[in-house]
Every structure is written in structure tokens, then in C-alpha cells.
Amino acid sequence: IGGDVLFHGSIGRTDLPGGNYTQL
């Protein structure tokens, strides 16, 4: 159950507060 980390052909957005693209 992955939440908003990994999607089909995509990843969770990282432009919200607390988001970090490199970390994701």
C-alpha cells in the first residue's frame, strides 16, 4: 500500500509543503 510515493508510470508530487524530489 504505497500512498502517494509511486504511481503507475509516475511518482508523487513534491511541490507541496514538506516535499523533496531528491529524497523521494
PDBML (XML) file of the C-alpha atoms, coordinates in Angstrom:
<?xml version="1.0" encoding="UTF-8" ?>
<PDBx:datablock datablockName="MODEL"
   xmlns:PDBx="http://pdbml.pdb.org/schema/pdbx-v50.xsd"
   xmlns:xsi="http://www.w3.org/2001/XMLSchema-instance"
   xsi:schemaLocation="http://pdbml.pdb.org/schema/pdbx-v50.xsd pdbx-v50.xsd">
   <PDBx:atom_siteCategory>
      <PDBx:atom_site id="1">
         <PDBx:B_iso_or_equiv>0.00</PDBx:B_iso_or_equiv>
         <PDBx:Cartn_x>0.000</PDBx:Cartn_x>
         <PDBx:Cartn_y>0.000</PDBx:Cartn_y>
         <PDBx:Cartn_z>0.000</PDBx:Cartn_z>
         <PDBx:auth_asym_id>A</PDBx:auth_asym_id>
         <PDBx:auth_atom_id>CA</PDBx:auth_atom_id>
         <PDBx:auth_comp_id>ILE</PDBx:auth_comp_id>
         <PDBx:auth_seq_id>1</PDBx:auth_seq_id>
         <PDBx:group_PDB>ATOM</PDBx:group_PDB>
         <PDBx:label_alt_id xsi:nil="true" />
         <PDBx:label_asym_id>A</PDBx:label_asym_id>
         <PDBx:label_atom_id>CA</PDBx:label_atom_id>
         <PDBx:label_comp_id>ILE</PDBx:label_comp_id>
         <PDBx:label_entity_id>1</PDBx:label_entity_id>
         <PDBx:label_seq_id>1</PDBx:label_seq_id>
         <PDBx:occupancy>1.00</PDBx:occupancy>
         <PDBx:pdbx_PDB_model_num>1</PDBx:pdbx_PDB_model_num>
         <PDBx:type_symbol>C</PDBx:type_symbol>
      </PDBx:atom_site>
      <PDBx:atom_site id="2">
         <PDBx:B_iso_or_equiv>0.00</PDBx:B_iso_or_equiv>
         <PDBx:Cartn_x>2.128</PDBx:Cartn_x>
         <PDBx:Cartn_y>2.803</PDBx:Cartn_y>
         <PDBx:Cartn_z>-1.361</PDBx:Cartn_z>
         <PDBx:auth_asym_id>A</PDBx:auth_asym_id>
         <PDBx:auth_atom_id>CA</PDBx:auth_atom_id>
         <PDBx:auth_comp_id>GLY</PDBx:auth_comp_id>
         <PDBx:auth_seq_id>2</PDBx:auth_seq_id>
         <PDBx:group_PDB>ATOM</PDBx:group_PDB>
         <PDBx:label_alt_id xsi:nil="true" />
         <PDBx:label_asym_id>A</PDBx:label_asym_id>
         <PDBx:label_atom_id>CA</PDBx:label_atom_id>
         <PDBx:label_comp_id>GLY</PDBx:label_comp_id>
         <PDBx:label_entity_id>1</PDBx:label_entity_id>
         <PDBx:label_seq_id>2</PDBx:label_seq_id>
         <PDBx:occupancy>1.00</PDBx:occupancy>
         <PDBx:pdbx_PDB_model_num>1</PDBx:pdbx_PDB_model_num>
         <PDBx:type_symbol>C</PDBx:type_symbol>
      </PDBx:atom_site>
      <PDBx:atom_site id="3">
         <PDBx:B_iso_or_equiv>0.00</PDBx:B_iso_or_equiv>
         <PDBx:Cartn_x>0.200</PDBx:Cartn_x>
         <PDBx:Cartn_y>6.001</PDBx:Cartn_y>
         <PDBx:Cartn_z>-0.743</PDBx:Cartn_z>
         <PDBx:auth_asym_id>A</PDBx:auth_asym_id>
         <PDBx:auth_atom_id>CA</PDBx:auth_atom_id>
         <PDBx:auth_comp_id>GLY</PDBx:auth_comp_id>
         <PDBx:auth_seq_id>3</PDBx:auth_seq_id>
         <PDBx:group_PDB>ATOM</PDBx:group_PDB>
         <PDBx:label_alt_id xsi:nil="true" />
         <PDBx:label_asym_id>A</PDBx:label_asym_id>
         <PDBx:label_atom_id>CA</PDBx:label_atom_id>
         <PDBx:label_comp_id>GLY</PDBx:label_comp_id>
         <PDBx:label_entity_id>1</PDBx:label_entity_id>
         <PDBx:label_seq_id>3</PDBx:label_seq_id>
         <PDBx:occupancy>1.00</PDBx:occupancy>
         <PDBx:pdbx_PDB_model_num>1</PDBx:pdbx_PDB_model_num>
         <PDBx:type_symbol>C</PDBx:type_symbol>
      </PDBx:atom_site>
      <PDBx:atom_site id="4">
         <PDBx:B_iso_or_equiv>0.00</PDBx:B_iso_or_equiv>
         <PDBx:Cartn_x>1.492</PDBx:Cartn_x>
         <PDBx:Cartn_y>8.838</PDBx:Cartn_y>
         <PDBx:Cartn_z>-2.917</PDBx:Cartn_z>
         <PDBx:auth_asym_id>A</PDBx:auth_asym_id>
         <PDBx:auth_atom_id>CA</PDBx:auth_atom_id>
         <PDBx:auth_comp_id>ASP</PDBx:auth_comp_id>
         <PDBx:auth_seq_id>4</PDBx:auth_seq_id>
         <PDBx:group_PDB>ATOM</PDBx:group_PDB>
         <PDBx:label_alt_id xsi:nil="true" />
         <PDBx:label_asym_id>A</PDBx:label_asym_id>
         <PDBx:label_atom_id>CA</PDBx:label_atom_id>
         <PDBx:label_comp_id>ASP</PDBx:label_comp_id>
         <PDBx:label_entity_id>1</PDBx:label_entity_id>
         <PDBx:label_seq_id>4</PDBx:label_seq_id>
         <PDBx:occupancy>1.00</PDBx:occupancy>
         <PDBx:pdbx_PDB_model_num>1</PDBx:pdbx_PDB_model_num>
         <PDBx:type_symbol>C</PDBx:type_symbol>
      </PDBx:atom_site>
      <PDBx:atom_site id="5">
         <PDBx:B_iso_or_equiv>0.00</PDBx:B_iso_or_equiv>
         <PDBx:Cartn_x>5.081</PDBx:Cartn_x>
         <PDBx:Cartn_y>7.631</PDBx:Cartn_y>
         <PDBx:Cartn_z>-3.327</PDBx:Cartn_z>
         <PDBx:auth_asym_id>A</PDBx:auth_asym_id>
         <PDBx:auth_atom_id>CA</PDBx:auth_atom_id>
         <PDBx:auth_comp_id>VAL</PDBx:auth_comp_id>
         <PDBx:auth_seq_id>5</PDBx:auth_seq_id>
         <PDBx:group_PDB>ATOM</PDBx:group_PDB>
         <PDBx:label_alt_id xsi:nil="true" />
         <PDBx:label_asym_id>A</PDBx:label_asym_id>
         <PDBx:label_atom_id>CA</PDBx:label_atom_id>
         <PDBx:label_comp_id>VAL</PDBx:label_comp_id>
         <PDBx:label_entity_id>1</PDBx:label_entity_id>
         <PDBx:label_seq_id>5</PDBx:label_seq_id>
         <PDBx:occupancy>1.00</PDBx:occupancy>
         <PDBx:pdbx_PDB_model_num>1</PDBx:pdbx_PDB_model_num>
         <PDBx:type_symbol>C</PDBx:type_symbol>
      </PDBx:atom_site>
      <PDBx:atom_site id="6">
         <PDBx:B_iso_or_equiv>0.00</PDBx:B_iso_or_equiv>
         <PDBx:Cartn_x>4.982</PDBx:Cartn_x>
         <PDBx:Cartn_y>5.566</PDBx:Cartn_y>
         <PDBx:Cartn_z>-6.530</PDBx:Cartn_z>
         <PDBx:auth_asym_id>A</PDBx:auth_asym_id>
         <PDBx:auth_atom_id>CA</PDBx:auth_atom_id>
         <PDBx:auth_comp_id>LEU</PDBx:auth_comp_id>
         <PDBx:auth_seq_id>6</PDBx:auth_seq_id>
         <PDBx:group_PDB>ATOM</PDBx:group_PDB>
         <PDBx:label_alt_id xsi:nil="true" />
         <PDBx:label_asym_id>A</PDBx:label_asym_id>
         <PDBx:label_atom_id>CA</PDBx:label_atom_id>
         <PDBx:label_comp_id>LEU</PDBx:label_comp_id>
         <PDBx:label_entity_id>1</PDBx:label_entity_id>
         <PDBx:label_seq_id>6</PDBx:label_seq_id>
         <PDBx:occupancy>1.00</PDBx:occupancy>
         <PDBx:pdbx_PDB_model_num>1</PDBx:pdbx_PDB_model_num>
         <PDBx:type_symbol>C</PDBx:type_symbol>
      </PDBx:atom_site>
      <PDBx:atom_site id="7">
         <PDBx:B_iso_or_equiv>0.00</PDBx:B_iso_or_equiv>
         <PDBx:Cartn_x>2.283</PDBx:Cartn_x>
         <PDBx:Cartn_y>5.506</PDBx:Cartn_y>
         <PDBx:Cartn_z>-9.204</PDBx:Cartn_z>
         <PDBx:auth_asym_id>A</PDBx:auth_asym_id>
         <PDBx:auth_atom_id>CA</PDBx:auth_atom_id>
         <PDBx:auth_comp_id>PHE</PDBx:auth_comp_id>
         <PDBx:auth_seq_id>7</PDBx:auth_seq_id>
         <PDBx:group_PDB>ATOM</PDBx:group_PDB>
         <PDBx:label_alt_id xsi:nil="true" />
         <PDBx:label_asym_id>A</PDBx:label_asym_id>
         <PDBx:label_atom_id>CA</PDBx:label_atom_id>
         <PDBx:label_comp_id>PHE</PDBx:label_comp_id>
         <PDBx:label_entity_id>1</PDBx:label_entity_id>
         <PDBx:label_seq_id>7</PDBx:label_seq_id>
         <PDBx:occupancy>1.00</PDBx:occupancy>
         <PDBx:pdbx_PDB_model_num>1</PDBx:pdbx_PDB_model_num>
         <PDBx:type_symbol>C</PDBx:type_symbol>
      </PDBx:atom_site>
      <PDBx:atom_site id="8">
         <PDBx:B_iso_or_equiv>0.00</PDBx:B_iso_or_equiv>
         <PDBx:Cartn_x>1.767</PDBx:Cartn_x>
         <PDBx:Cartn_y>3.660</PDBx:Cartn_y>
         <PDBx:Cartn_z>-12.471</PDBx:Cartn_z>
         <PDBx:auth_asym_id>A</PDBx:auth_asym_id>
         <PDBx:auth_atom_id>CA</PDBx:auth_atom_id>
         <PDBx:auth_comp_id>HIS</PDBx:auth_comp_id>
         <PDBx:auth_seq_id>8</PDBx:auth_seq_id>
         <PDBx:group_PDB>ATOM</PDBx:group_PDB>
         <PDBx:label_alt_id xsi:nil="true" />
         <PDBx:label_asym_id>A</PDBx:label_asym_id>
         <PDBx:label_atom_id>CA</PDBx:label_atom_id>
         <PDBx:label_comp_id>HIS</PDBx:label_comp_id>
         <PDBx:label_entity_id>1</PDBx:label_entity_id>
         <PDBx:label_seq_id>8</PDBx:label_seq_id>
         <PDBx:occupancy>1.00</PDBx:occupancy>
         <PDBx:pdbx_PDB_model_num>1</PDBx:pdbx_PDB_model_num>
         <PDBx:type_symbol>C</PDBx:type_symbol>
      </PDBx:atom_site>
      <PDBx:atom_site id="9">
         <PDBx:B_iso_or_equiv>0.00</PDBx:B_iso_or_equiv>
         <PDBx:Cartn_x>4.338</PDBx:Cartn_x>
         <PDBx:Cartn_y>5.405</PDBx:Cartn_y>
         <PDBx:Cartn_z>-14.642</PDBx:Cartn_z>
         <PDBx:auth_asym_id>A</PDBx:auth_asym_id>
         <PDBx:auth_atom_id>CA</PDBx:auth_atom_id>
         <PDBx:auth_comp_id>GLY</PDBx:auth_comp_id>
         <PDBx:auth_seq_id>9</PDBx:auth_seq_id>
         <PDBx:group_PDB>ATOM</PDBx:group_PDB>
         <PDBx:label_alt_id xsi:nil="true" />
         <PDBx:label_asym_id>A</PDBx:label_asym_id>
         <PDBx:label_atom_id>CA</PDBx:label_atom_id>
         <PDBx:label_comp_id>GLY</PDBx:label_comp_id>
         <PDBx:label_entity_id>1</PDBx:label_entity_id>
         <PDBx:label_seq_id>9</PDBx:label_seq_id>
         <PDBx:occupancy>1.00</PDBx:occupancy>
         <PDBx:pdbx_PDB_model_num>1</PDBx:pdbx_PDB_model_num>
         <PDBx:type_symbol>C</PDBx:type_symbol>
      </PDBx:atom_site>
      <PDBx:atom_site id="10">
         <PDBx:B_iso_or_equiv>0.00</PDBx:B_iso_or_equiv>
         <PDBx:Cartn_x>4.740</PDBx:Cartn_x>
         <PDBx:Cartn_y>8.304</PDBx:Cartn_y>
         <PDBx:Cartn_z>-12.253</PDBx:Cartn_z>
         <PDBx:auth_asym_id>A</PDBx:auth_asym_id>
         <PDBx:auth_atom_id>CA</PDBx:auth_atom_id>
         <PDBx:auth_comp_id>SER</PDBx:auth_comp_id>
         <PDBx:auth_seq_id>10</PDBx:auth_seq_id>
         <PDBx:group_PDB>ATOM</PDBx:group_PDB>
         <PDBx:label_alt_id xsi:nil="true" />
         <PDBx:label_asym_id>A</PDBx:label_asym_id>
         <PDBx:label_atom_id>CA</PDBx:label_atom_id>
         <PDBx:label_comp_id>SER</PDBx:label_comp_id>
         <PDBx:label_entity_id>1</PDBx:label_entity_id>
         <PDBx:label_seq_id>10</PDBx:label_seq_id>
         <PDBx:occupancy>1.00</PDBx:occupancy>
         <PDBx:pdbx_PDB_model_num>1</PDBx:pdbx_PDB_model_num>
         <PDBx:type_symbol>C</PDBx:type_symbol>
      </PDBx:atom_site>
      <PDBx:atom_site id="11">
         <PDBx:B_iso_or_equiv>0.00</PDBx:B_iso_or_equiv>
         <PDBx:Cartn_x>5.714</PDBx:Cartn_x>
         <PDBx:Cartn_y>9.432</PDBx:Cartn_y>
         <PDBx:Cartn_z>-8.760</PDBx:Cartn_z>
         <PDBx:auth_asym_id>A</PDBx:auth_asym_id>
         <PDBx:auth_atom_id>CA</PDBx:auth_atom_id>
         <PDBx:auth_comp_id>ILE</PDBx:auth_comp_id>
         <PDBx:auth_seq_id>11</PDBx:auth_seq_id>
         <PDBx:group_PDB>ATOM</PDBx:group_PDB>
         <PDBx:label_alt_id xsi:nil="true" />
         <PDBx:label_asym_id>A</PDBx:label_asym_id>
         <PDBx:label_atom_id>CA</PDBx:label_atom_id>
         <PDBx:label_comp_id>ILE</PDBx:label_comp_id>
         <PDBx:label_entity_id>1</PDBx:label_entity_id>
         <PDBx:label_seq_id>11</PDBx:label_seq_id>
         <PDBx:occupancy>1.00</PDBx:occupancy>
         <PDBx:pdbx_PDB_model_num>1</PDBx:pdbx_PDB_model_num>
         <PDBx:type_symbol>C</PDBx:type_symbol>
      </PDBx:atom_site>
      <PDBx:atom_site id="12">
         <PDBx:B_iso_or_equiv>0.00</PDBx:B_iso_or_equiv>
         <PDBx:Cartn_x>4.162</PDBx:Cartn_x>
         <PDBx:Cartn_y>11.542</PDBx:Cartn_y>
         <PDBx:Cartn_z>-6.032</PDBx:Cartn_z>
         <PDBx:auth_asym_id>A</PDBx:auth_asym_id>
         <PDBx:auth_atom_id>CA</PDBx:auth_atom_id>
         <PDBx:auth_comp_id>GLY</PDBx:auth_comp_id>
         <PDBx:auth_seq_id>12</PDBx:auth_seq_id>
         <PDBx:group_PDB>ATOM</PDBx:group_PDB>
         <PDBx:label_alt_id xsi:nil="true" />
         <PDBx:label_asym_id>A</PDBx:label_asym_id>
         <PDBx:label_atom_id>CA</PDBx:label_atom_id>
         <PDBx:label_comp_id>GLY</PDBx:label_comp_id>
         <PDBx:label_entity_id>1</PDBx:label_entity_id>
         <PDBx:label_seq_id>12</PDBx:label_seq_id>
         <PDBx:occupancy>1.00</PDBx:occupancy>
         <PDBx:pdbx_PDB_model_num>1</PDBx:pdbx_PDB_model_num>
         <PDBx:type_symbol>C</PDBx:type_symbol>
      </PDBx:atom_site>
      <PDBx:atom_site id="13">
         <PDBx:B_iso_or_equiv>0.00</PDBx:B_iso_or_equiv>
         <PDBx:Cartn_x>4.291</PDBx:Cartn_x>
         <PDBx:Cartn_y>15.289</PDBx:Cartn_y>
         <PDBx:Cartn_z>-6.486</PDBx:Cartn_z>
         <PDBx:auth_asym_id>A</PDBx:auth_asym_id>
         <PDBx:auth_atom_id>CA</PDBx:auth_atom_id>
         <PDBx:auth_comp_id>ARG</PDBx:auth_comp_id>
         <PDBx:auth_seq_id>13</PDBx:auth_seq_id>
         <PDBx:group_PDB>ATOM</PDBx:group_PDB>
         <PDBx:label_alt_id xsi:nil="true" />
         <PDBx:label_asym_id>A</PDBx:label_asym_id>
         <PDBx:label_atom_id>CA</PDBx:label_atom_id>
         <PDBx:label_comp_id>ARG</PDBx:label_comp_id>
         <PDBx:label_entity_id>1</PDBx:label_entity_id>
         <PDBx:label_seq_id>13</PDBx:label_seq_id>
         <PDBx:occupancy>1.00</PDBx:occupancy>
         <PDBx:pdbx_PDB_model_num>1</PDBx:pdbx_PDB_model_num>
         <PDBx:type_symbol>C</PDBx:type_symbol>
      </PDBx:atom_site>
      <PDBx:atom_site id="14">
         <PDBx:B_iso_or_equiv>0.00</PDBx:B_iso_or_equiv>
         <PDBx:Cartn_x>6.970</PDBx:Cartn_x>
         <PDBx:Cartn_y>17.073</PDBx:Cartn_y>
         <PDBx:Cartn_z>-4.479</PDBx:Cartn_z>
         <PDBx:auth_asym_id>A</PDBx:auth_asym_id>
         <PDBx:auth_atom_id>CA</PDBx:auth_atom_id>
         <PDBx:auth_comp_id>THR</PDBx:auth_comp_id>
         <PDBx:auth_seq_id>14</PDBx:auth_seq_id>
         <PDBx:group_PDB>ATOM</PDBx:group_PDB>
         <PDBx:label_alt_id xsi:nil="true" />
         <PDBx:label_asym_id>A</PDBx:label_asym_id>
         <PDBx:label_atom_id>CA</PDBx:label_atom_id>
         <PDBx:label_comp_id>THR</PDBx:label_comp_id>
         <PDBx:label_entity_id>1</PDBx:label_entity_id>
         <PDBx:label_seq_id>14</PDBx:label_seq_id>
         <PDBx:occupancy>1.00</PDBx:occupancy>
         <PDBx:pdbx_PDB_model_num>1</PDBx:pdbx_PDB_model_num>
         <PDBx:type_symbol>C</PDBx:type_symbol>
      </PDBx:atom_site>
      <PDBx:atom_site id="15">
         <PDBx:B_iso_or_equiv>0.00</PDBx:B_iso_or_equiv>
         <PDBx:Cartn_x>5.854</PDBx:Cartn_x>
         <PDBx:Cartn_y>20.702</PDBx:Cartn_y>
         <PDBx:Cartn_z>-4.739</PDBx:Cartn_z>
         <PDBx:auth_asym_id>A</PDBx:auth_asym_id>
         <PDBx:auth_atom_id>CA</PDBx:auth_atom_id>
         <PDBx:auth_comp_id>ASP</PDBx:auth_comp_id>
         <PDBx:auth_seq_id>15</PDBx:auth_seq_id>
         <PDBx:group_PDB>ATOM</PDBx:group_PDB>
         <PDBx:label_alt_id xsi:nil="true" />
         <PDBx:label_asym_id>A</PDBx:label_asym_id>
         <PDBx:label_atom_id>CA</PDBx:label_atom_id>
         <PDBx:label_comp_id>ASP</PDBx:label_comp_id>
         <PDBx:label_entity_id>1</PDBx:label_entity_id>
         <PDBx:label_seq_id>15</PDBx:label_seq_id>
         <PDBx:occupancy>1.00</PDBx:occupancy>
         <PDBx:pdbx_PDB_model_num>1</PDBx:pdbx_PDB_model_num>
         <PDBx:type_symbol>C</PDBx:type_symbol>
      </PDBx:atom_site>
      <PDBx:atom_site id="16">
         <PDBx:B_iso_or_equiv>0.00</PDBx:B_iso_or_equiv>
         <PDBx:Cartn_x>3.678</PDBx:Cartn_x>
         <PDBx:Cartn_y>20.614</PDBx:Cartn_y>
         <PDBx:Cartn_z>-1.621</PDBx:Cartn_z>
         <PDBx:auth_asym_id>A</PDBx:auth_asym_id>
         <PDBx:auth_atom_id>CA</PDBx:auth_atom_id>
         <PDBx:auth_comp_id>LEU</PDBx:auth_comp_id>
         <PDBx:auth_seq_id>16</PDBx:auth_seq_id>
         <PDBx:group_PDB>ATOM</PDBx:group_PDB>
         <PDBx:label_alt_id xsi:nil="true" />
         <PDBx:label_asym_id>A</PDBx:label_asym_id>
         <PDBx:label_atom_id>CA</PDBx:label_atom_id>
         <PDBx:label_comp_id>LEU</PDBx:label_comp_id>
         <PDBx:label_entity_id>1</PDBx:label_entity_id>
         <PDBx:label_seq_id>16</PDBx:label_seq_id>
         <PDBx:occupancy>1.00</PDBx:occupancy>
         <PDBx:pdbx_PDB_model_num>1</PDBx:pdbx_PDB_model_num>
         <PDBx:type_symbol>C</PDBx:type_symbol>
      </PDBx:atom_site>
      <PDBx:atom_site id="17">
         <PDBx:B_iso_or_equiv>0.00</PDBx:B_iso_or_equiv>
         <PDBx:Cartn_x>4.939</PDBx:Cartn_x>
         <PDBx:Cartn_y>21.656</PDBx:Cartn_y>
         <PDBx:Cartn_z>1.841</PDBx:Cartn_z>
         <PDBx:auth_asym_id>A</PDBx:auth_asym_id>
         <PDBx:auth_atom_id>CA</PDBx:auth_atom_id>
         <PDBx:auth_comp_id>PRO</PDBx:auth_comp_id>
         <PDBx:auth_seq_id>17</PDBx:auth_seq_id>
         <PDBx:group_PDB>ATOM</PDBx:group_PDB>
         <PDBx:label_alt_id xsi:nil="true" />
         <PDBx:label_asym_id>A</PDBx:label_asym_id>
         <PDBx:label_atom_id>CA</PDBx:label_atom_id>
         <PDBx:label_comp_id>PRO</PDBx:label_comp_id>
         <PDBx:label_entity_id>1</PDBx:label_entity_id>
         <PDBx:label_seq_id>17</PDBx:label_seq_id>
         <PDBx:occupancy>1.00</PDBx:occupancy>
         <PDBx:pdbx_PDB_model_num>1</PDBx:pdbx_PDB_model_num>
         <PDBx:type_symbol>C</PDBx:type_symbol>
      </PDBx:atom_site>
      <PDBx:atom_site id="18">
         <PDBx:B_iso_or_equiv>0.00</PDBx:B_iso_or_equiv>
         <PDBx:Cartn_x>7.433</PDBx:Cartn_x>
         <PDBx:Cartn_y>19.091</PDBx:Cartn_y>
         <PDBx:Cartn_z>3.114</PDBx:Cartn_z>
         <PDBx:auth_asym_id>A</PDBx:auth_asym_id>
         <PDBx:auth_atom_id>CA</PDBx:auth_atom_id>
         <PDBx:auth_comp_id>GLY</PDBx:auth_comp_id>
         <PDBx:auth_seq_id>18</PDBx:auth_seq_id>
         <PDBx:group_PDB>ATOM</PDBx:group_PDB>
         <PDBx:label_alt_id xsi:nil="true" />
         <PDBx:label_asym_id>A</PDBx:label_asym_id>
         <PDBx:label_atom_id>CA</PDBx:label_atom_id>
         <PDBx:label_comp_id>GLY</PDBx:label_comp_id>
         <PDBx:label_entity_id>1</PDBx:label_entity_id>
         <PDBx:label_seq_id>18</PDBx:label_seq_id>
         <PDBx:occupancy>1.00</PDBx:occupancy>
         <PDBx:pdbx_PDB_model_num>1</PDBx:pdbx_PDB_model_num>
         <PDBx:type_symbol>C</PDBx:type_symbol>
      </PDBx:atom_site>
      <PDBx:atom_site id="19">
         <PDBx:B_iso_or_equiv>0.00</PDBx:B_iso_or_equiv>
         <PDBx:Cartn_x>8.019</PDBx:Cartn_x>
         <PDBx:Cartn_y>17.634</PDBx:Cartn_y>
         <PDBx:Cartn_z>-0.344</PDBx:Cartn_z>
         <PDBx:auth_asym_id>A</PDBx:auth_asym_id>
         <PDBx:auth_atom_id>CA</PDBx:auth_atom_id>
         <PDBx:auth_comp_id>GLY</PDBx:auth_comp_id>
         <PDBx:auth_seq_id>19</PDBx:auth_seq_id>
         <PDBx:group_PDB>ATOM</PDBx:group_PDB>
         <PDBx:label_alt_id xsi:nil="true" />
         <PDBx:label_asym_id>A</PDBx:label_asym_id>
         <PDBx:label_atom_id>CA</PDBx:label_atom_id>
         <PDBx:label_comp_id>GLY</PDBx:label_comp_id>
         <PDBx:label_entity_id>1</PDBx:label_entity_id>
         <PDBx:label_seq_id>19</PDBx:label_seq_id>
         <PDBx:occupancy>1.00</PDBx:occupancy>
         <PDBx:pdbx_PDB_model_num>1</PDBx:pdbx_PDB_model_num>
         <PDBx:type_symbol>C</PDBx:type_symbol>
      </PDBx:atom_site>
      <PDBx:atom_site id="20">
         <PDBx:B_iso_or_equiv>0.00</PDBx:B_iso_or_equiv>
         <PDBx:Cartn_x>11.509</PDBx:Cartn_x>
         <PDBx:Cartn_y>16.809</PDBx:Cartn_y>
         <PDBx:Cartn_z>-1.585</PDBx:Cartn_z>
         <PDBx:auth_asym_id>A</PDBx:auth_asym_id>
         <PDBx:auth_atom_id>CA</PDBx:auth_atom_id>
         <PDBx:auth_comp_id>ASN</PDBx:auth_comp_id>
         <PDBx:auth_seq_id>20</PDBx:auth_seq_id>
         <PDBx:group_PDB>ATOM</PDBx:group_PDB>
         <PDBx:label_alt_id xsi:nil="true" />
         <PDBx:label_asym_id>A</PDBx:label_asym_id>
         <PDBx:label_atom_id>CA</PDBx:label_atom_id>
         <PDBx:label_comp_id>ASN</PDBx:label_comp_id>
         <PDBx:label_entity_id>1</PDBx:label_entity_id>
         <PDBx:label_seq_id>20</PDBx:label_seq_id>
         <PDBx:occupancy>1.00</PDBx:occupancy>
         <PDBx:pdbx_PDB_model_num>1</PDBx:pdbx_PDB_model_num>
         <PDBx:type_symbol>C</PDBx:type_symbol>
      </PDBx:atom_site>
      <PDBx:atom_site id="21">
         <PDBx:B_iso_or_equiv>0.00</PDBx:B_iso_or_equiv>
         <PDBx:Cartn_x>12.125</PDBx:Cartn_x>
         <PDBx:Cartn_y>15.398</PDBx:Cartn_y>
         <PDBx:Cartn_z>-5.055</PDBx:Cartn_z>
         <PDBx:auth_asym_id>A</PDBx:auth_asym_id>
         <PDBx:auth_atom_id>CA</PDBx:auth_atom_id>
         <PDBx:auth_comp_id>TYR</PDBx:auth_comp_id>
         <PDBx:auth_seq_id>21</PDBx:auth_seq_id>
         <PDBx:group_PDB>ATOM</PDBx:group_PDB>
         <PDBx:label_alt_id xsi:nil="true" />
         <PDBx:label_asym_id>A</PDBx:label_asym_id>
         <PDBx:label_atom_id>CA</PDBx:label_atom_id>
         <PDBx:label_comp_id>TYR</PDBx:label_comp_id>
         <PDBx:label_entity_id>1</PDBx:label_entity_id>
         <PDBx:label_seq_id>21</PDBx:label_seq_id>
         <PDBx:occupancy>1.00</PDBx:occupancy>
         <PDBx:pdbx_PDB_model_num>1</PDBx:pdbx_PDB_model_num>
         <PDBx:type_symbol>C</PDBx:type_symbol>
      </PDBx:atom_site>
      <PDBx:atom_site id="22">
         <PDBx:B_iso_or_equiv>0.00</PDBx:B_iso_or_equiv>
         <PDBx:Cartn_x>15.639</PDBx:Cartn_x>
         <PDBx:Cartn_y>14.101</PDBx:Cartn_y>
         <PDBx:Cartn_z>-4.387</PDBx:Cartn_z>
         <PDBx:auth_asym_id>A</PDBx:auth_asym_id>
         <PDBx:auth_atom_id>CA</PDBx:auth_atom_id>
         <PDBx:auth_comp_id>THR</PDBx:auth_comp_id>
         <PDBx:auth_seq_id>22</PDBx:auth_seq_id>
         <PDBx:group_PDB>ATOM</PDBx:group_PDB>
         <PDBx:label_alt_id xsi:nil="true" />
         <PDBx:label_asym_id>A</PDBx:label_asym_id>
         <PDBx:label_atom_id>CA</PDBx:label_atom_id>
         <PDBx:label_comp_id>THR</PDBx:label_comp_id>
         <PDBx:label_entity_id>1</PDBx:label_entity_id>
         <PDBx:label_seq_id>22</PDBx:label_seq_id>
         <PDBx:occupancy>1.00</PDBx:occupancy>
         <PDBx:pdbx_PDB_model_num>1</PDBx:pdbx_PDB_model_num>
         <PDBx:type_symbol>C</PDBx:type_symbol>
      </PDBx:atom_site>
      <PDBx:atom_site id="23">
         <PDBx:B_iso_or_equiv>0.00</PDBx:B_iso_or_equiv>
         <PDBx:Cartn_x>14.515</PDBx:Cartn_x>
         <PDBx:Cartn_y>12.399</PDBx:Cartn_y>
         <PDBx:Cartn_z>-1.195</PDBx:Cartn_z>
         <PDBx:auth_asym_id>A</PDBx:auth_asym_id>
         <PDBx:auth_atom_id>CA</PDBx:auth_atom_id>
         <PDBx:auth_comp_id>GLN</PDBx:auth_comp_id>
         <PDBx:auth_seq_id>23</PDBx:auth_seq_id>
         <PDBx:group_PDB>ATOM</PDBx:group_PDB>
         <PDBx:label_alt_id xsi:nil="true" />
         <PDBx:label_asym_id>A</PDBx:label_asym_id>
         <PDBx:label_atom_id>CA</PDBx:label_atom_id>
         <PDBx:label_comp_id>GLN</PDBx:label_comp_id>
         <PDBx:label_entity_id>1</PDBx:label_entity_id>
         <PDBx:label_seq_id>23</PDBx:label_seq_id>
         <PDBx:occupancy>1.00</PDBx:occupancy>
         <PDBx:pdbx_PDB_model_num>1</PDBx:pdbx_PDB_model_num>
         <PDBx:type_symbol>C</PDBx:type_symbol>
      </PDBx:atom_site>
      <PDBx:atom_site id="24">
         <PDBx:B_iso_or_equiv>0.00</PDBx:B_iso_or_equiv>
         <PDBx:Cartn_x>11.519</PDBx:Cartn_x>
         <PDBx:Cartn_y>10.789</PDBx:Cartn_y>
         <PDBx:Cartn_z>-2.911</PDBx:Cartn_z>
         <PDBx:auth_asym_id>A</PDBx:auth_asym_id>
         <PDBx:auth_atom_id>CA</PDBx:auth_atom_id>
         <PDBx:auth_comp_id>LEU</PDBx:auth_comp_id>
         <PDBx:auth_seq_id>24</PDBx:auth_seq_id>
         <PDBx:group_PDB>ATOM</PDBx:group_PDB>
         <PDBx:label_alt_id xsi:nil="true" />
         <PDBx:label_asym_id>A</PDBx:label_asym_id>
         <PDBx:label_atom_id>CA</PDBx:label_atom_id>
         <PDBx:label_comp_id>LEU</PDBx:label_comp_id>
         <PDBx:label_entity_id>1</PDBx:label_entity_id>
         <PDBx:label_seq_id>24</PDBx:label_seq_id>
         <PDBx:occupancy>1.00</PDBx:occupancy>
         <PDBx:pdbx_PDB_model_num>1</PDBx:pdbx_PDB_model_num>
         <PDBx:type_symbol>C</PDBx:type_symbol>
      </PDBx:atom_site>
   </PDBx:atom_siteCategory>
</PDBx:datablock>
